[in-house]
């Protein structure tokens, strides 16, 4: 195939230029190397994208140790965006799954009597994940707060109207849970109009070893 005149001139010039750059690089001249770098970075030769950092279960930045559970839990944002609870890369609750509701998301429960039926008979060692949405406290009574305290919560007894709260506890724990965050509803510091900021917590929960 015969190239048109102007196009052939461009190809010849480009080839000659690349040949000069490569010769300069081989001879060790800095200018040649710089020009080669500029050519490789040109729009016609965009740089390859860097590999994305690896994500682990539930989007954690690192893998959890053996014999532990990976989790990520997010409270709702005001009364607009629902909470999310992920355990071992399985989304237990989210707005996408349409199984969250206003109040305490232990399950789709916002009635204190149903909540008590749900949490009273928990077996020893059962993990409990809680994420607030809109208002976690108005319908809580003293028994509910006491049970959450027994599951390891430090703040259940003090939860108030429209506080943000995320919590992971367990039936039969001896100490307070290290997996809990709480932000008070305060007009002076609220992120949203009438609500504090949403909370996000992630980590690795050690599996309970069977007692011999």
Protein backbone atom coordinates (compact mmCIF):
# COMPACT_ATOMS: atom_id res chain seq x y z
CA UNK A 1 0.00 0.00 0.00
CA UNK A 2 1.38 3.45 -0.93
CA UNK A 3 1.19 6.24 1.70
CA UNK A 4 0.07 9.76 0.77
CA UNK A 5 2.76 12.41 0.69
CA UNK A 6 2.03 14.42 3.88
CA UNK A 7 1.19 11.30 5.87
CA UNK A 8 4.43 9.64 4.77
CA UNK A 9 6.37 12.73 5.87
CA UNK A 10 4.74 12.60 9.31
CA UNK A 11 5.52 8.89 9.70
CA UNK A 12 9.12 9.41 8.61
CA UNK A 13 9.58 12.35 10.99
CA UNK A 14 8.02 10.43 13.88
CA UNK A 15 10.17 7.39 13.16
CA UNK A 16 13.28 9.51 12.94
CA UNK A 17 12.43 11.26 16.19
CA UNK A 18 11.91 7.99 18.04
CA UNK A 19 15.15 6.63 16.59
CA UNK A 20 17.02 9.71 17.87
CA UNK A 21 15.46 9.37 21.33
CA UNK A 22 16.32 5.68 21.55
CA UNK A 23 19.87 6.31 20.42
CA UNK A 24 20.21 9.04 23.03
CA UNK A 25 18.93 6.71 25.73
CA UNK A 26 21.34 3.99 24.69
CA UNK A 27 24.18 6.51 24.78
CA UNK A 28 23.12 7.53 28.29
CA UNK A 29 22.18 11.15 27.62
CA UNK A 30 19.68 12.63 30.06
CA UNK A 31 17.81 14.64 27.44
CA UNK A 32 17.03 11.53 25.45
CA UNK A 33 15.67 9.76 28.51
CA UNK A 34 13.52 12.77 29.42
CA UNK A 35 12.11 12.90 25.92
CA UNK A 36 11.29 9.20 26.04
CA UNK A 37 9.47 9.74 29.34
CA UNK A 38 7.50 12.63 27.80
CA UNK A 39 6.57 10.45 24.84
CA UNK A 40 5.40 7.61 27.06
CA UNK A 41 3.29 10.06 29.08
CA UNK A 42 1.70 11.71 26.05
CA UNK A 43 -2.10 11.53 25.53
CA UNK A 44 -1.58 8.91 22.84
CA UNK A 45 0.25 6.77 25.42
CA UNK A 46 -1.62 7.30 28.73
CA UNK A 47 0.02 5.78 31.82
CA UNK A 48 -1.40 2.50 32.97
CA UNK A 49 -3.56 2.84 36.08
CA UNK A 50 -1.96 1.74 39.32
CA UNK A 51 -3.37 -1.45 40.82
CA UNK A 52 -6.14 -0.81 43.30
CA UNK A 53 -5.39 -1.66 46.90
CA UNK A 54 -6.75 -5.06 47.79
CA UNK A 55 -9.95 -5.12 49.82
CA UNK A 56 -10.80 -7.87 52.21
CA UNK A 57 -14.05 -9.11 53.73
CA UNK A 58 -16.62 -6.34 54.26
CA UNK A 59 -14.21 -3.89 52.61
CA UNK A 60 -11.67 -3.97 55.45
CA UNK A 61 -8.19 -2.66 54.53
CA UNK A 62 -6.52 -5.82 55.87
CA UNK A 63 -7.46 -9.41 56.46
CA UNK A 64 -8.66 -10.49 59.86
CA UNK A 65 -6.63 -13.11 61.73
CA UNK A 66 -7.69 -16.72 61.63
CA UNK A 67 -10.51 -17.63 64.02
CA UNK A 68 -12.09 -14.19 63.87
CA UNK A 69 -15.03 -12.55 62.11
CA UNK A 70 -14.69 -9.49 59.86
CA UNK A 71 -17.42 -6.90 60.28
CA UNK A 72 -18.39 -3.38 59.24
CA UNK A 73 -21.34 -1.53 60.70
CA UNK A 74 -22.72 1.91 59.81
CA UNK A 75 -25.50 3.81 61.49
CA UNK A 76 -28.14 5.60 59.49
CA UNK A 77 -27.55 9.19 58.41
CA UNK A 78 -30.33 11.37 59.86
CA UNK A 79 -33.62 9.85 58.69
CA UNK A 80 -32.56 9.64 55.04
CA UNK A 81 -29.87 6.98 54.54
CA UNK A 82 -30.40 3.64 56.23
CA UNK A 83 -27.79 1.70 58.23
CA UNK A 84 -25.64 -1.18 56.99
CA UNK A 85 -24.38 -4.25 58.79
CA UNK A 86 -21.84 -6.56 57.12
CA UNK A 87 -20.47 -9.76 58.65
CA UNK A 88 -17.94 -12.02 56.92
CA UNK A 89 -18.61 -10.30 53.58
CA UNK A 90 -22.35 -10.88 53.84
CA UNK A 91 -24.59 -7.81 53.99
CA UNK A 92 -27.01 -8.61 56.79
CA UNK A 93 -28.86 -5.30 56.64
CA UNK A 94 -29.00 -2.41 54.20
CA UNK A 95 -31.46 -0.18 52.39
CA UNK A 96 -30.71 -2.10 49.20
CA UNK A 97 -31.92 -5.30 50.86
CA UNK A 98 -34.94 -3.34 52.10
CA UNK A 99 -34.66 -4.80 55.61
CA UNK A 100 -33.87 -1.74 57.72
CA UNK A 101 -36.21 0.53 59.62
CA UNK A 102 -36.17 3.52 61.90
CA UNK A 103 -35.16 2.83 65.49
CA UNK A 104 -32.79 0.02 66.51
CA UNK A 105 -31.72 -2.27 63.70
CA UNK A 106 -31.06 -5.50 65.52
CA UNK A 107 -33.62 -6.83 63.09
CA UNK A 108 -36.44 -4.98 61.40
CA UNK A 109 -37.87 -4.07 64.80
CA UNK A 110 -39.07 -0.73 66.12
CA UNK A 111 -41.55 -1.93 68.74
CA UNK A 112 -40.11 -2.30 72.21
CA UNK A 113 -42.18 -5.37 73.06
CA UNK A 114 -41.08 -7.18 69.89
CA UNK A 115 -37.48 -6.10 70.57
CA UNK A 116 -37.59 -7.62 74.05
CA UNK A 117 -39.00 -10.88 72.66
CA UNK A 118 -36.06 -10.92 70.28
CA UNK A 119 -33.21 -10.21 72.70
CA UNK A 120 -34.43 -11.90 75.92
CA UNK A 121 -33.85 -15.53 74.82
CA UNK A 122 -30.38 -15.06 73.28
CA UNK A 123 -28.07 -18.02 73.76
CA UNK A 124 -24.68 -17.74 75.44
CA UNK A 125 -22.06 -16.46 73.00
CA UNK A 126 -24.55 -15.03 70.48
CA UNK A 127 -23.21 -11.93 68.71
CA UNK A 128 -25.52 -8.91 68.61
CA UNK A 129 -25.12 -6.15 66.00
CA UNK A 130 -27.00 -2.89 66.50
CA UNK A 131 -27.14 0.19 64.27
CA UNK A 132 -29.35 3.19 65.00
CA UNK A 133 -31.48 4.94 62.38
CA UNK A 134 -33.23 8.23 63.06
CA UNK A 135 -33.97 7.69 66.78
CA UNK A 136 -32.77 4.70 68.83
CA UNK A 137 -33.91 5.76 72.28
CA UNK A 138 -37.47 7.07 72.48
CA UNK A 139 -39.09 3.62 72.66
CA UNK A 140 -36.45 1.98 74.83
CA UNK A 141 -37.46 1.16 78.39
CA UNK A 142 -35.34 0.31 81.44
CA UNK A 143 -35.38 -3.44 80.72
CA UNK A 144 -34.16 -2.90 77.16
CA UNK A 145 -31.32 -0.68 78.35
CA UNK A 146 -30.39 -3.21 81.04
CA UNK A 147 -30.23 -6.06 78.53
CA UNK A 148 -28.02 -4.08 76.15
CA UNK A 149 -25.77 -3.19 79.10
CA UNK A 150 -25.50 -6.89 79.94
CA UNK A 151 -24.52 -7.54 76.31
CA UNK A 152 -21.54 -5.23 76.85
CA UNK A 153 -22.82 -1.74 76.05
CA UNK A 154 -21.37 1.18 77.99
CA UNK A 155 -23.84 3.79 76.71
CA UNK A 156 -27.22 2.04 76.34
CA UNK A 157 -28.36 3.40 79.70
CA UNK A 158 -27.68 6.98 78.50
CA UNK A 159 -29.01 6.84 74.92
CA UNK A 160 -31.24 9.80 74.15
CA UNK A 161 -33.47 11.13 71.39
CA UNK A 162 -31.85 10.94 67.93
CA UNK A 163 -28.40 9.92 69.17
CA UNK A 164 -26.23 7.97 66.70
CA UNK A 165 -25.17 4.55 67.99
CA UNK A 166 -23.43 1.44 66.64
CA UNK A 167 -22.67 -1.53 68.85
CA UNK A 168 -21.49 -5.13 68.70
CA UNK A 169 -21.99 -7.16 71.87
CA UNK A 170 -22.46 -10.75 72.93
CA UNK A 171 -24.50 -12.74 75.37
CA UNK A 172 -22.43 -13.71 78.39
CA UNK A 173 -19.56 -11.20 78.01
CA UNK A 174 -17.62 -10.52 81.18
CA UNK A 175 -16.46 -7.02 80.28
CA UNK A 176 -17.73 -4.08 78.27
CA UNK A 177 -17.51 -4.45 74.50
CA UNK A 178 -14.66 -2.65 72.69
CA UNK A 179 -16.94 -2.38 69.64
CA UNK A 180 -19.20 0.59 70.35
CA UNK A 181 -19.50 4.18 69.17
CA UNK A 182 -21.93 6.87 70.25
CA UNK A 183 -22.55 10.52 69.32
CA UNK A 184 -25.00 12.66 71.25
CA UNK A 185 -27.67 14.67 69.52
CA UNK A 186 -26.51 18.23 70.25
CA UNK A 187 -27.69 21.23 68.27
CA UNK A 188 -24.28 22.92 68.57
CA UNK A 189 -22.39 20.00 67.01
CA UNK A 190 -24.93 18.15 64.84
CA UNK A 191 -23.83 17.46 61.28
CA UNK A 192 -27.37 17.33 59.95
CA UNK A 193 -30.29 19.53 60.91
CA UNK A 194 -31.62 17.76 63.99
CA UNK A 195 -29.25 14.75 63.87
CA UNK A 196 -25.58 14.07 64.65
CA UNK A 197 -23.16 12.52 62.19
CA UNK A 198 -23.48 8.93 61.01
CA UNK A 199 -21.09 6.43 62.57
CA UNK A 200 -18.99 3.73 60.94
CA UNK A 201 -17.11 0.98 62.74
CA UNK A 202 -15.16 -2.01 61.47
CA UNK A 203 -12.91 -4.65 62.91
CA UNK A 204 -12.25 -8.30 63.69
CA UNK A 205 -14.18 -10.15 66.38
CA UNK A 206 -12.36 -13.13 67.92
CA UNK A 207 -14.30 -16.33 67.72
CA UNK A 208 -15.24 -17.79 71.05
CA UNK A 209 -13.25 -20.96 71.76
CA UNK A 210 -15.16 -23.93 73.05
CA UNK A 211 -14.50 -24.66 76.68
CA UNK A 212 -13.11 -28.09 77.38
